[in-house]
Amino acid sequence: MTTQSTVTTNNAPVSRKGIEAARARQAIWFLLPTLIAIALVAGYPLYRTIYYSLFEANLTNPDQAKFVGLHNFWFTTEDGIGIGFLQDPKWWQSVQNTLLFTVVSVFLETVFGMIIALVVNSNFKGRAFMRTAMLIPWAIPTVVSAQMWTYMYNDSFGLIGRGVLGGRALLADSGSAIWAMIAVDVWKTTSFMALLILAGLQSLPSDMYEAADMDGASKWTQFWRMTLPLLRPALLVALVFRSLDALRVFDIMYVMLGANNAATTSMTGYARLALIDNQLLGSGSAVAVAIFVIIMAIVVAYVTAFRVKFD
């Protein structure tokens, strides 16, 4: 009896490992079509972008590309045409503006989104109407909302520019224009953050809060000690999504400032100037690679700071 029990006990881990390995192989087969689709849709364009960033090429005739190495990033090309964008002060100004836009807008949207989500998650009369109404700014197309706010910021007839600020042209000054556009983005996208945070709040167990109430914990203590730690996965997803969107901001600035000013305001506007306006495929691809590296670094920083493990 003792020998039979020992054999059974020793074989149990082996059989569990075999089952886990079979499940892993089955999961890989299920994920394979998705991985292939991602490789074709995202991987190949990324490879081509990195490839063309090492060449001097024109957008209208990419086959006649000339290998220049890292000249598109830093050095002047051999024939004296063009200069690496890392030496261009306009690029660094666009990076500064984009990071300012991202940090401030995402922070405000997270704070306001958390407040709205906590309110909507509670029981009160008209909660269903509130959940629907809060999505209206987000449902409006960005181009439409940007043009609407441009009219309101107008110093001649705008509700804000003339009525509130007494004729001050917010969008004409580069210092105030970035803050005006941040306000537009916060107005439009806070509801999206609230929706993501609300989904996380509704996944939290209610019995945990009932036990905290019985123990006499205040709502503030419950928020800091229970809600926020348990919301880290949902907050990470919300922050990554919004940061990616904010770092690639283009439409708001293009509509509110115009093509020329938008090029010096955001990184994507600078990339558009090189790729579309100047028809420089190599320089535009190099700028796109730099934007990709910046975004990847920020996403890694988010995941490291939140220390979230997705099982």
C-alpha atoms as a PDB file:
ATOM      1  CA  MET A   1       0.000   0.000   0.000  1.00  0.00           C
ATOM      2  CA  THR A   2       2.857   2.350   0.866  1.00  0.00           C
ATOM      3  CA  THR A   3       4.680   1.644  -2.391  1.00  0.00           C
ATOM      4  CA  GLN A   4       1.552   2.187  -4.507  1.00  0.00           C
ATOM      5  CA  SER A   5       0.843   5.508  -2.745  1.00  0.00           C
ATOM      6  CA  THR A   6       4.428   6.683  -3.329  1.00  0.00           C
ATOM      7  CA  VAL A   7       4.284   5.897  -7.037  1.00  0.00           C
ATOM      8  CA  THR A   8       0.997   7.741  -7.437  1.00  0.00           C
ATOM      9  CA  THR A   9       2.330  10.773  -5.589  1.00  0.00           C
ATOM     10  CA  ASN A  10       5.544  10.881  -7.620  1.00  0.00           C
ATOM     11  CA  ASN A  11       3.725  10.561 -10.939  1.00  0.00           C
ATOM     12  CA  ALA A  12       1.225  13.347 -10.193  1.00  0.00           C
ATOM     13  CA  PRO A  13       3.599  16.259 -10.927  1.00  0.00           C
ATOM     14  CA  VAL A  14       4.745  14.577 -14.131  1.00  0.00           C
ATOM     15  CA  SER A  15       1.187  14.202 -15.383  1.00  0.00           C
ATOM     16  CA  ARG A  16       0.347  17.803 -14.470  1.00  0.00           C
ATOM     17  CA  LYS A  17       3.375  19.050 -16.398  1.00  0.00           C
ATOM     18  CA  GLY A  18       2.289  17.014 -19.382  1.00  0.00           C
ATOM     19  CA  ILE A  19      -1.216  18.470 -19.259  1.00  0.00           C
ATOM     20  CA  GLU A  20       0.168  22.022 -18.968  1.00  0.00           C
ATOM     21  CA  ALA A  21       2.511  21.435 -21.916  1.00  0.00           C
ATOM     22  CA  ALA A  22      -0.369  20.107 -24.028  1.00  0.00           C
ATOM     23  CA  ARG A  23      -2.485  23.128 -23.132  1.00  0.00           C
ATOM     24  CA  ALA A  24       0.381  25.452 -24.038  1.00  0.00           C
ATOM     25  CA  ARG A  25       0.787  23.783 -27.444  1.00  0.00           C
ATOM     26  CA  GLN A  26      -2.963  23.998 -28.020  1.00  0.00           C
ATOM     27  CA  ALA A  27      -2.948  27.698 -27.062  1.00  0.00           C
ATOM     28  CA  ILE A  28      -0.137  28.371 -29.550  1.00  0.00           C
ATOM     29  CA  TRP A  29      -2.140  26.762 -32.366  1.00  0.00           C
ATOM     30  CA  PHE A  30      -5.177  28.859 -31.477  1.00  0.00           C
ATOM     31  CA  LEU A  31      -3.074  32.034 -31.349  1.00  0.00           C
ATOM     32  CA  LEU A  32      -1.174  31.291 -34.549  1.00  0.00           C
ATOM     33  CA  PRO A  33      -3.711  32.894 -36.971  1.00  0.00           C
ATOM     34  CA  THR A  34      -3.769  36.046 -34.846  1.00  0.00           C
ATOM     35  CA  LEU A  35       0.023  36.167 -34.650  1.00  0.00           C
ATOM     36  CA  ILE A  36       0.283  35.776 -38.422  1.00  0.00           C
ATOM     37  CA  ALA A  37      -2.244  38.562 -38.956  1.00  0.00           C
ATOM     38  CA  ILE A  38      -0.346  40.863 -36.574  1.00  0.00           C
ATOM     39  CA  ALA A  39       2.931  40.061 -38.350  1.00  0.00           C
ATOM     40  CA  LEU A  40       1.419  40.943 -41.726  1.00  0.00           C
ATOM     41  CA  VAL A  41      -0.543  44.009 -40.643  1.00  0.00           C
ATOM     42  CA  ALA A  42       1.929  45.527 -38.163  1.00  0.00           C
ATOM     43  CA  GLY A  43       5.235  43.685 -38.405  1.00  0.00           C
ATOM     44  CA  TYR A  44       5.873  44.056 -42.123  1.00  0.00           C
ATOM     45  CA  PRO A  45       5.044  47.800 -42.304  1.00  0.00           C
ATOM     46  CA  LEU A  46       7.306  48.357 -39.275  1.00  0.00           C
ATOM     47  CA  TYR A  47      10.116  46.470 -41.010  1.00  0.00           C
ATOM     48  CA  ARG A  48       9.681  48.556 -44.188  1.00  0.00           C
ATOM     49  CA  THR A  49       9.658  51.773 -42.183  1.00  0.00           C
ATOM     50  CA  ILE A  50      12.921  50.857 -40.451  1.00  0.00           C
ATOM     51  CA  TYR A  51      14.349  49.785 -43.814  1.00  0.00           C
ATOM     52  CA  TYR A  52      13.537  53.062 -45.580  1.00  0.00           C
ATOM     53  CA  SER A  53      14.812  55.094 -42.614  1.00  0.00           C
ATOM     54  CA  LEU A  54      18.322  54.032 -43.671  1.00  0.00           C
ATOM     55  CA  PHE A  55      17.885  55.270 -47.246  1.00  0.00           C
ATOM     56  CA  GLU A  56      17.596  58.586 -49.037  1.00  0.00           C
ATOM     57  CA  ALA A  57      14.426  58.074 -51.053  1.00  0.00           C
ATOM     58  CA  ASN A  58      11.623  60.080 -52.573  1.00  0.00           C
ATOM     59  CA  LEU A  59       8.023  59.168 -51.855  1.00  0.00           C
ATOM     60  CA  THR A  60       7.048  59.264 -55.527  1.00  0.00           C
ATOM     61  CA  ASN A  61       9.955  57.022 -56.622  1.00  0.00           C
ATOM     62  CA  PRO A  62      10.996  54.759 -53.717  1.00  0.00           C
ATOM     63  CA  ASP A  63      12.767  52.248 -56.002  1.00  0.00           C
ATOM     64  CA  GLN A  64      15.626  54.682 -56.593  1.00  0.00           C
ATOM     65  CA  ALA A  65      16.682  54.690 -52.962  1.00  0.00           C
ATOM     66  CA  LYS A  66      20.249  55.427 -51.921  1.00  0.00           C
ATOM     67  CA  PHE A  67      21.662  53.885 -48.756  1.00  0.00           C
ATOM     68  CA  VAL A  68      22.832  56.578 -46.318  1.00  0.00           C
ATOM     69  CA  GLY A  69      22.859  54.684 -43.015  1.00  0.00           C
ATOM     70  CA  LEU A  70      22.002  56.891 -40.060  1.00  0.00           C
ATOM     71  CA  HIS A  71      22.267  60.161 -42.002  1.00  0.00           C
ATOM     72  CA  ASN A  72      18.493  60.646 -41.881  1.00  0.00           C
ATOM     73  CA  PHE A  73      18.730  60.611 -38.093  1.00  0.00           C
ATOM     74  CA  TRP A  74      21.804  62.709 -37.436  1.00  0.00           C
ATOM     75  CA  PHE A  75      24.215  63.446 -40.256  1.00  0.00           C
ATOM     76  CA  THR A  76      23.960  65.510 -43.416  1.00  0.00           C
ATOM     77  CA  THR A  77      23.713  63.320 -46.512  1.00  0.00           C
ATOM     78  CA  GLU A  78      26.702  63.022 -48.822  1.00  0.00           C
ATOM     79  CA  ASP A  79      25.279  65.270 -51.539  1.00  0.00           C
ATOM     80  CA  GLY A  80      24.343  67.947 -49.021  1.00  0.00           C
ATOM     81  CA  ILE A  81      20.587  67.469 -49.429  1.00  0.00           C
ATOM     82  CA  GLY A  82      18.694  67.349 -46.159  1.00  0.00           C
ATOM     83  CA  ILE A  83      19.859  67.073 -42.584  1.00  0.00           C
ATOM     84  CA  GLY A  84      19.270  64.548 -39.839  1.00  0.00           C
ATOM     85  CA  PHE A  85      16.122  65.521 -37.944  1.00  0.00           C
ATOM     86  CA  LEU A  86      17.848  65.054 -34.580  1.00  0.00           C
ATOM     87  CA  GLN A  87      19.810  68.229 -35.395  1.00  0.00           C
ATOM     88  CA  ASP A  88      16.643  70.172 -36.191  1.00  0.00           C
ATOM     89  CA  PRO A  89      15.390  72.416 -33.330  1.00  0.00           C
ATOM     90  CA  LYS A  90      11.849  72.118 -34.718  1.00  0.00           C
ATOM     91  CA  TRP A  91      11.909  68.369 -34.023  1.00  0.00           C
ATOM     92  CA  TRP A  92      12.871  68.861 -30.387  1.00  0.00           C
ATOM     93  CA  GLN A  93      10.211  71.551 -30.050  1.00  0.00           C
ATOM     94  CA  SER A  94       7.628  69.105 -31.394  1.00  0.00           C
ATOM     95  CA  VAL A  95       8.837  66.450 -28.917  1.00  0.00           C
ATOM     96  CA  GLN A  96       8.542  68.907 -26.043  1.00  0.00           C
ATOM     97  CA  ASN A  97       5.066  69.977 -27.098  1.00  0.00           C
ATOM     98  CA  THR A  98       3.886  66.394 -27.592  1.00  0.00           C
ATOM     99  CA  LEU A  99       5.194  65.241 -24.202  1.00  0.00           C
ATOM    100  CA  LEU A 100       3.608  68.264 -22.490  1.00  0.00           C
ATOM    101  CA  PHE A 101       0.326  67.572 -24.259  1.00  0.00           C
ATOM    102  CA  THR A 102       0.471  63.881 -23.312  1.00  0.00           C
ATOM    103  CA  VAL A 103       1.453  64.252 -19.654  1.00  0.00           C
ATOM    104  CA  VAL A 104      -1.030  67.006 -18.802  1.00  0.00           C
ATOM    105  CA  SER A 105      -3.977  65.696 -20.808  1.00  0.00           C
ATOM    106  CA  VAL A 106      -3.617  62.071 -19.685  1.00  0.00           C
ATOM    107  CA  PHE A 107      -3.191  63.111 -16.042  1.00  0.00           C
ATOM    108  CA  LEU A 108      -6.294  65.331 -16.074  1.00  0.00           C
ATOM    109  CA  GLU A 109      -8.327  62.761 -17.979  1.00  0.00           C
ATOM    110  CA  THR A 110      -7.357  60.070 -15.482  1.00  0.00           C
ATOM    111  CA  VAL A 111      -8.287  62.203 -12.469  1.00  0.00           C
ATOM    112  CA  PHE A 112     -11.590  63.428 -13.922  1.00  0.00           C
ATOM    113  CA  GLY A 113     -12.325  59.984 -15.376  1.00  0.00           C
ATOM    114  CA  MET A 114     -11.804  58.387 -11.974  1.00  0.00           C
ATOM    115  CA  ILE A 115     -14.186  60.874 -10.330  1.00  0.00           C
ATOM    116  CA  ILE A 116     -16.865  60.331 -12.983  1.00  0.00           C
ATOM    117  CA  ALA A 117     -16.457  56.539 -12.838  1.00  0.00           C
ATOM    118  CA  LEU A 118     -16.812  56.503  -9.045  1.00  0.00           C
ATOM    119  CA  VAL A 119     -19.957  58.634  -9.266  1.00  0.00           C
ATOM    120  CA  VAL A 120     -21.533  56.593 -12.064  1.00  0.00           C
ATOM    121  CA  ASN A 121     -20.643  53.326 -10.311  1.00  0.00           C
ATOM    122  CA  SER A 122     -22.742  54.287  -7.272  1.00  0.00           C
ATOM    123  CA  ASN A 123     -26.487  53.814  -7.037  1.00  0.00           C
ATOM    124  CA  PHE A 124     -28.543  56.941  -7.730  1.00  0.00           C
ATOM    125  CA  LYS A 125     -31.568  57.921  -9.742  1.00  0.00           C
ATOM    126  CA  GLY A 126     -30.752  58.649 -13.383  1.00  0.00           C
ATOM    127  CA  ARG A 127     -27.553  56.603 -13.440  1.00  0.00           C
ATOM    128  CA  ALA A 128     -28.403  55.044 -16.821  1.00  0.00           C
ATOM    129  CA  PHE A 129     -28.930  58.479 -18.382  1.00  0.00           C
ATOM    130  CA  MET A 130     -25.661  59.705 -16.866  1.00  0.00           C
ATOM    131  CA  ARG A 131     -23.717  56.793 -18.357  1.00  0.00           C
ATOM    132  CA  THR A 132     -25.113  57.567 -21.786  1.00  0.00           C
ATOM    133  CA  ALA A 133     -24.668  61.331 -21.568  1.00  0.00           C
ATOM    134  CA  MET A 134     -21.030  61.151 -20.500  1.00  0.00           C
ATOM    135  CA  LEU A 135     -20.101  59.449 -23.792  1.00  0.00           C
ATOM    136  CA  ILE A 136     -21.408  62.277 -26.003  1.00  0.00           C
ATOM    137  CA  PRO A 137     -18.097  64.252 -26.181  1.00  0.00           C
ATOM    138  CA  TRP A 138     -16.174  61.088 -27.007  1.00  0.00           C
ATOM    139  CA  ALA A 139     -18.704  60.097 -29.686  1.00  0.00           C
ATOM    140  CA  ILE A 140     -18.231  63.376 -31.570  1.00  0.00           C
ATOM    141  CA  PRO A 141     -15.557  62.999 -34.297  1.00  0.00           C
ATOM    142  CA  THR A 142     -12.287  64.676 -33.353  1.00  0.00           C
ATOM    143  CA  VAL A 143     -12.237  66.880 -36.449  1.00  0.00           C
ATOM    144  CA  VAL A 144     -15.746  68.144 -35.691  1.00  0.00           C
ATOM    145  CA  SER A 145     -15.022  68.863 -32.028  1.00  0.00           C
ATOM    146  CA  ALA A 146     -11.707  70.561 -32.891  1.00  0.00           C
ATOM    147  CA  GLN A 147     -13.412  72.836 -35.425  1.00  0.00           C
ATOM    148  CA  MET A 148     -16.204  73.582 -32.947  1.00  0.00           C
ATOM    149  CA  TRP A 149     -13.699  74.636 -30.287  1.00  0.00           C
ATOM    150  CA  THR A 150     -11.760  76.664 -32.849  1.00  0.00           C
ATOM    151  CA  TYR A 151     -14.905  78.747 -33.396  1.00  0.00           C
ATOM    152  CA  MET A 152     -15.378  79.123 -29.648  1.00  0.00           C
ATOM    153  CA  TYR A 153     -11.755  80.229 -29.209  1.00  0.00           C
ATOM    154  CA  ASN A 154     -12.074  82.840 -31.966  1.00  0.00           C
ATOM    155  CA  ASP A 155     -11.236  86.314 -30.656  1.00  0.00           C
ATOM    156  CA  SER A 156     -13.834  88.051 -32.868  1.00  0.00           C
ATOM    157  CA  PHE A 157     -17.011  86.032 -32.392  1.00  0.00           C
ATOM    158  CA  GLY A 158     -16.108  83.055 -30.211  1.00  0.00           C
ATOM    159  CA  LEU A 159     -17.970  82.336 -26.985  1.00  0.00           C
ATOM    160  CA  ILE A 160     -14.693  81.850 -25.113  1.00  0.00           C
ATOM    161  CA  GLY A 161     -12.287  84.022 -27.089  1.00  0.00           C
ATOM    162  CA  ARG A 162     -14.495  87.106 -27.160  1.00  0.00           C
ATOM    163  CA  GLY A 163     -17.123  86.506 -24.497  1.00  0.00           C
ATOM    164  CA  VAL A 164     -14.959  85.106 -21.680  1.00  0.00           C
ATOM    165  CA  LEU A 165     -11.442  86.305 -22.507  1.00  0.00           C
ATOM    166  CA  GLY A 166     -12.425  89.653 -23.972  1.00  0.00           C
ATOM    167  CA  GLY A 167     -10.957  89.215 -27.431  1.00  0.00           C
ATOM    168  CA  ARG A 168      -7.769  87.327 -26.587  1.00  0.00           C
ATOM    169  CA  ALA A 169      -6.578  85.092 -29.445  1.00  0.00           C
ATOM    170  CA  LEU A 170      -5.588  81.892 -27.675  1.00  0.00           C
ATOM    171  CA  LEU A 171      -4.610  79.962 -30.800  1.00  0.00           C
ATOM    172  CA  ALA A 172      -2.467  82.776 -32.202  1.00  0.00           C
ATOM    173  CA  ASP A 173       0.041  82.490 -29.349  1.00  0.00           C
ATOM    174  CA  SER A 174       2.136  79.300 -29.226  1.00  0.00           C
ATOM    175  CA  GLY A 175       2.321  79.441 -25.435  1.00  0.00           C
ATOM    176  CA  SER A 176      -1.446  79.483 -24.904  1.00  0.00           C
ATOM    177  CA  ALA A 177      -2.356  77.382 -27.961  1.00  0.00           C
ATOM    178  CA  ILE A 178      -0.991  74.156 -26.483  1.00  0.00           C
ATOM    179  CA  TRP A 179      -3.050  74.644 -23.320  1.00  0.00           C
ATOM    180  CA  ALA A 180      -6.162  75.436 -25.344  1.00  0.00           C
ATOM    181  CA  MET A 181      -5.732  72.175 -27.261  1.00  0.00           C
ATOM    182  CA  ILE A 182      -5.139  70.250 -24.044  1.00  0.00           C
ATOM    183  CA  ALA A 183      -8.468  71.569 -22.765  1.00  0.00           C
ATOM    184  CA  VAL A 184     -10.179  70.325 -25.927  1.00  0.00           C
ATOM    185  CA  ASP A 185      -8.623  66.878 -25.576  1.00  0.00           C
ATOM    186  CA  VAL A 186      -9.563  66.646 -21.885  1.00  0.00           C
ATOM    187  CA  TRP A 187     -13.150  67.661 -22.683  1.00  0.00           C
ATOM    188  CA  LYS A 188     -13.429  65.043 -25.406  1.00  0.00           C
ATOM    189  CA  THR A 189     -11.557  62.043 -23.988  1.00  0.00           C
ATOM    190  CA  THR A 190     -12.280  62.114 -20.241  1.00  0.00           C
ATOM    191  CA  SER A 191     -15.421  60.062 -20.872  1.00  0.00           C
ATOM    192  CA  PHE A 192     -13.329  57.356 -22.564  1.00  0.00           C
ATOM    193  CA  MET A 193     -11.093  57.102 -19.502  1.00  0.00           C
ATOM    194  CA  ALA A 194     -14.172  57.055 -17.266  1.00  0.00           C
ATOM    195  CA  LEU A 195     -15.603  54.166 -19.298  1.00  0.00           C
ATOM    196  CA  LEU A 196     -12.433  52.076 -18.953  1.00  0.00           C
ATOM    197  CA  ILE A 197     -12.122  52.795 -15.232  1.00  0.00           C
ATOM    198  CA  LEU A 198     -15.827  52.057 -14.724  1.00  0.00           C
ATOM    199  CA  ALA A 199     -15.325  48.633 -16.302  1.00  0.00           C
ATOM    200  CA  GLY A 200     -12.548  47.979 -13.801  1.00  0.00           C
ATOM    201  CA  LEU A 201     -14.663  49.161 -10.867  1.00  0.00           C
ATOM    202  CA  GLN A 202     -17.520  46.862 -11.786  1.00  0.00           C
ATOM    203  CA  SER A 203     -15.183  43.865 -11.752  1.00  0.00           C
ATOM    204  CA  LEU A 204     -14.227  44.423  -8.098  1.00  0.00           C
ATOM    205  CA  PRO A 205     -15.906  42.111  -5.541  1.00  0.00           C
ATOM    206  CA  SER A 206     -18.677  43.859  -3.606  1.00  0.00           C
ATOM    207  CA  ASP A 207     -18.347  41.613  -0.540  1.00  0.00           C
ATOM    208  CA  MET A 208     -14.904  43.072   0.116  1.00  0.00           C
ATOM    209  CA  TYR A 209     -16.416  46.542   0.530  1.00  0.00           C
ATOM    210  CA  GLU A 210     -19.188  45.154   2.734  1.00  0.00           C
ATOM    211  CA  ALA A 211     -16.545  43.672   5.035  1.00  0.00           C
ATOM    212  CA  ALA A 212     -14.661  46.987   5.074  1.00  0.00           C
ATOM    213  CA  ASP A 213     -17.853  48.841   6.040  1.00  0.00           C
ATOM    214  CA  MET A 214     -18.443  46.407   8.877  1.00  0.00           C
ATOM    215  CA  ASP A 215     -14.868  46.982  10.090  1.00  0.00           C
ATOM    216  CA  GLY A 216     -15.468  50.742  10.145  1.00  0.00           C
ATOM    217  CA  ALA A 217     -13.154  51.690   7.250  1.00  0.00           C
ATOM    218  CA  SER A 218     -13.950  55.091   5.762  1.00  0.00           C
ATOM    219  CA  LYS A 219     -14.663  55.573   2.057  1.00  0.00           C
ATOM    220  CA  TRP A 220     -11.358  57.405   1.665  1.00  0.00           C
ATOM    221  CA  THR A 221      -9.449  54.499   3.248  1.00  0.00           C
ATOM    222  CA  GLN A 222     -11.299  52.020   1.073  1.00  0.00           C
ATOM    223  CA  PHE A 223     -10.366  54.009  -2.029  1.00  0.00           C
ATOM    224  CA  TRP A 224      -6.640  54.232  -1.244  1.00  0.00           C
ATOM    225  CA  ARG A 225      -6.158  50.806   0.342  1.00  0.00           C
ATOM    226  CA  MET A 226      -8.557  48.692  -1.734  1.00  0.00           C
ATOM    227  CA  THR A 227      -9.869  50.344  -4.883  1.00  0.00           C
ATOM    228  CA  LEU A 228      -6.664  51.818  -6.293  1.00  0.00           C
ATOM    229  CA  PRO A 229      -4.476  48.705  -5.784  1.00  0.00           C
ATOM    230  CA  LEU A 230      -7.122  46.440  -7.337  1.00  0.00           C
ATOM    231  CA  LEU A 231      -7.621  48.876 -10.226  1.00  0.00           C
ATOM    232  CA  ARG A 232      -3.985  48.775 -11.316  1.00  0.00           C
ATOM    233  CA  PRO A 233      -4.563  46.433 -14.293  1.00  0.00           C
ATOM    234  CA  ALA A 234      -7.504  48.507 -15.553  1.00  0.00           C
ATOM    235  CA  LEU A 235      -5.625  51.765 -14.972  1.00  0.00           C
ATOM    236  CA  LEU A 236      -2.609  50.411 -16.836  1.00  0.00           C
ATOM    237  CA  VAL A 237      -4.738  49.536 -19.874  1.00  0.00           C
ATOM    238  CA  ALA A 238      -6.440  52.951 -19.777  1.00  0.00           C
ATOM    239  CA  LEU A 239      -3.161  54.846 -19.414  1.00  0.00           C
ATOM    240  CA  VAL A 240      -1.449  52.907 -22.191  1.00  0.00           C
ATOM    241  CA  PHE A 241      -4.354  53.440 -24.592  1.00  0.00           C
ATOM    242  CA  ARG A 242      -4.628  57.151 -23.854  1.00  0.00           C
ATOM    243  CA  SER A 243      -0.870  57.748 -23.860  1.00  0.00           C
ATOM    244  CA  LEU A 244      -0.503  56.013 -27.219  1.00  0.00           C
ATOM    245  CA  ASP A 245      -3.298  58.140 -28.620  1.00  0.00           C
ATOM    246  CA  ALA A 246      -1.939  61.373 -27.128  1.00  0.00           C
ATOM    247  CA  LEU A 247       1.619  60.754 -28.308  1.00  0.00           C
ATOM    248  CA  ARG A 248       0.287  60.308 -31.858  1.00  0.00           C
ATOM    249  CA  VAL A 249      -1.892  63.416 -31.676  1.00  0.00           C
ATOM    250  CA  PHE A 250      -2.323  65.096 -35.037  1.00  0.00           C
ATOM    251  CA  ASP A 251      -5.928  65.842 -35.935  1.00  0.00           C
ATOM    252  CA  ILE A 252      -6.672  68.335 -33.139  1.00  0.00           C
ATOM    253  CA  MET A 253      -3.534  70.353 -33.843  1.00  0.00           C
ATOM    254  CA  TYR A 254      -3.921  70.146 -37.613  1.00  0.00           C
ATOM    255  CA  VAL A 255      -7.494  71.427 -37.522  1.00  0.00           C
ATOM    256  CA  MET A 256      -6.990  74.111 -34.873  1.00  0.00           C
ATOM    257  CA  LEU A 257      -3.596  75.439 -35.975  1.00  0.00           C
ATOM    258  CA  GLY A 258      -3.347  74.598 -39.669  1.00  0.00           C
ATOM    259  CA  ALA A 259      -0.777  72.529 -41.566  1.00  0.00           C
ATOM    260  CA  ASN A 260       2.288  74.721 -41.052  1.00  0.00           C
ATOM    261  CA  ASN A 261       1.873  75.386 -37.329  1.00  0.00           C
ATOM    262  CA  ALA A 262       0.875  71.793 -36.593  1.00  0.00           C
ATOM    263  CA  ALA A 263       4.183  70.611 -38.053  1.00  0.00           C
ATOM    264  CA  THR A 264       6.102  72.371 -35.271  1.00  0.00           C
ATOM    265  CA  THR A 265       3.619  71.394 -32.559  1.00  0.00           C
ATOM    266  CA  SER A 266       3.473  67.575 -32.590  1.00  0.00           C
ATOM    267  CA  MET A 267       5.809  64.760 -33.570  1.00  0.00           C
ATOM    268  CA  THR A 268       3.323  63.323 -36.049  1.00  0.00           C
ATOM    269  CA  GLY A 269       2.895  66.766 -37.595  1.00  0.00           C
ATOM    270  CA  TYR A 270       6.658  66.930 -38.058  1.00  0.00           C
ATOM    271  CA  ALA A 271       6.611  63.459 -39.662  1.00  0.00           C
ATOM    272  CA  ARG A 272       3.834  64.542 -42.009  1.00  0.00           C
ATOM    273  CA  LEU A 273       5.851  67.588 -43.074  1.00  0.00           C
ATOM    274  CA  ALA A 274       8.810  65.391 -44.038  1.00  0.00           C
ATOM    275  CA  LEU A 275       6.846  62.545 -45.602  1.00  0.00           C
ATOM    276  CA  ILE A 276       3.887  64.241 -47.319  1.00  0.00           C
ATOM    277  CA  ASP A 277       4.800  67.883 -47.877  1.00  0.00           C
ATOM    278  CA  ASN A 278       8.502  67.365 -48.680  1.00  0.00           C
ATOM    279  CA  GLN A 279       8.043  63.874 -50.206  1.00  0.00           C
ATOM    280  CA  LEU A 280      11.088  62.576 -48.262  1.00  0.00           C
ATOM    281  CA  LEU A 281      10.395  58.904 -47.663  1.00  0.00           C
ATOM    282  CA  GLY A 282      13.669  58.263 -45.855  1.00  0.00           C
ATOM    283  CA  SER A 283      13.439  61.237 -43.502  1.00  0.00           C
ATOM    284  CA  GLY A 284       9.761  60.615 -42.798  1.00  0.00           C
ATOM    285  CA  SER A 285      10.464  56.954 -42.027  1.00  0.00           C
ATOM    286  CA  ALA A 286      13.301  57.940 -39.687  1.00  0.00           C
ATOM    287  CA  VAL A 287      10.979  60.273 -37.772  1.00  0.00           C
ATOM    288  CA  ALA A 288       8.384  57.473 -37.583  1.00  0.00           C
ATOM    289  CA  VAL A 289      11.012  55.114 -36.135  1.00  0.00           C
ATOM    290  CA  ALA A 290      11.913  57.708 -33.482  1.00  0.00           C
ATOM    291  CA  ILE A 291       8.241  58.114 -32.548  1.00  0.00           C
ATOM    292  CA  PHE A 292       7.912  54.310 -32.281  1.00  0.00           C
ATOM    293  CA  VAL A 293      10.942  54.127 -29.950  1.00  0.00           C
ATOM    294  CA  ILE A 294       9.578  56.914 -27.733  1.00  0.00           C
ATOM    295  CA  ILE A 295       6.175  55.219 -27.487  1.00  0.00           C
ATOM    296  CA  MET A 296       7.721  51.824 -26.699  1.00  0.00           C
ATOM    297  CA  ALA A 297       9.878  53.357 -23.953  1.00  0.00           C
ATOM    298  CA  ILE A 298       6.843  54.986 -22.333  1.00  0.00           C
ATOM    299  CA  VAL A 299       4.793  51.754 -22.484  1.00  0.00           C
ATOM    300  CA  VAL A 300       7.653  49.799 -20.875  1.00  0.00           C
ATOM    301  CA  ALA A 301       7.910  52.480 -18.178  1.00  0.00           C
ATOM    302  CA  TYR A 302       4.171  52.154 -17.485  1.00  0.00           C
ATOM    303  CA  VAL A 303       4.305  48.368 -17.162  1.00  0.00           C
ATOM    304  CA  THR A 304       7.400  48.545 -14.945  1.00  0.00           C
ATOM    305  CA  ALA A 305       5.964  51.243 -12.695  1.00  0.00           C
ATOM    306  CA  PHE A 306       2.616  49.494 -12.214  1.00  0.00           C
ATOM    307  CA  ARG A 307       4.202  46.045 -11.795  1.00  0.00           C
ATOM    308  CA  VAL A 308       1.126  44.345 -13.195  1.00  0.00           C
ATOM    309  CA  LYS A 309       1.198  40.683 -14.176  1.00  0.00           C
ATOM    310  CA  PHE A 310      -1.450  39.486 -16.603  1.00  0.00           C
ATOM    311  CA  ASP A 311      -2.079  35.785 -15.974  1.00  0.00           C
END
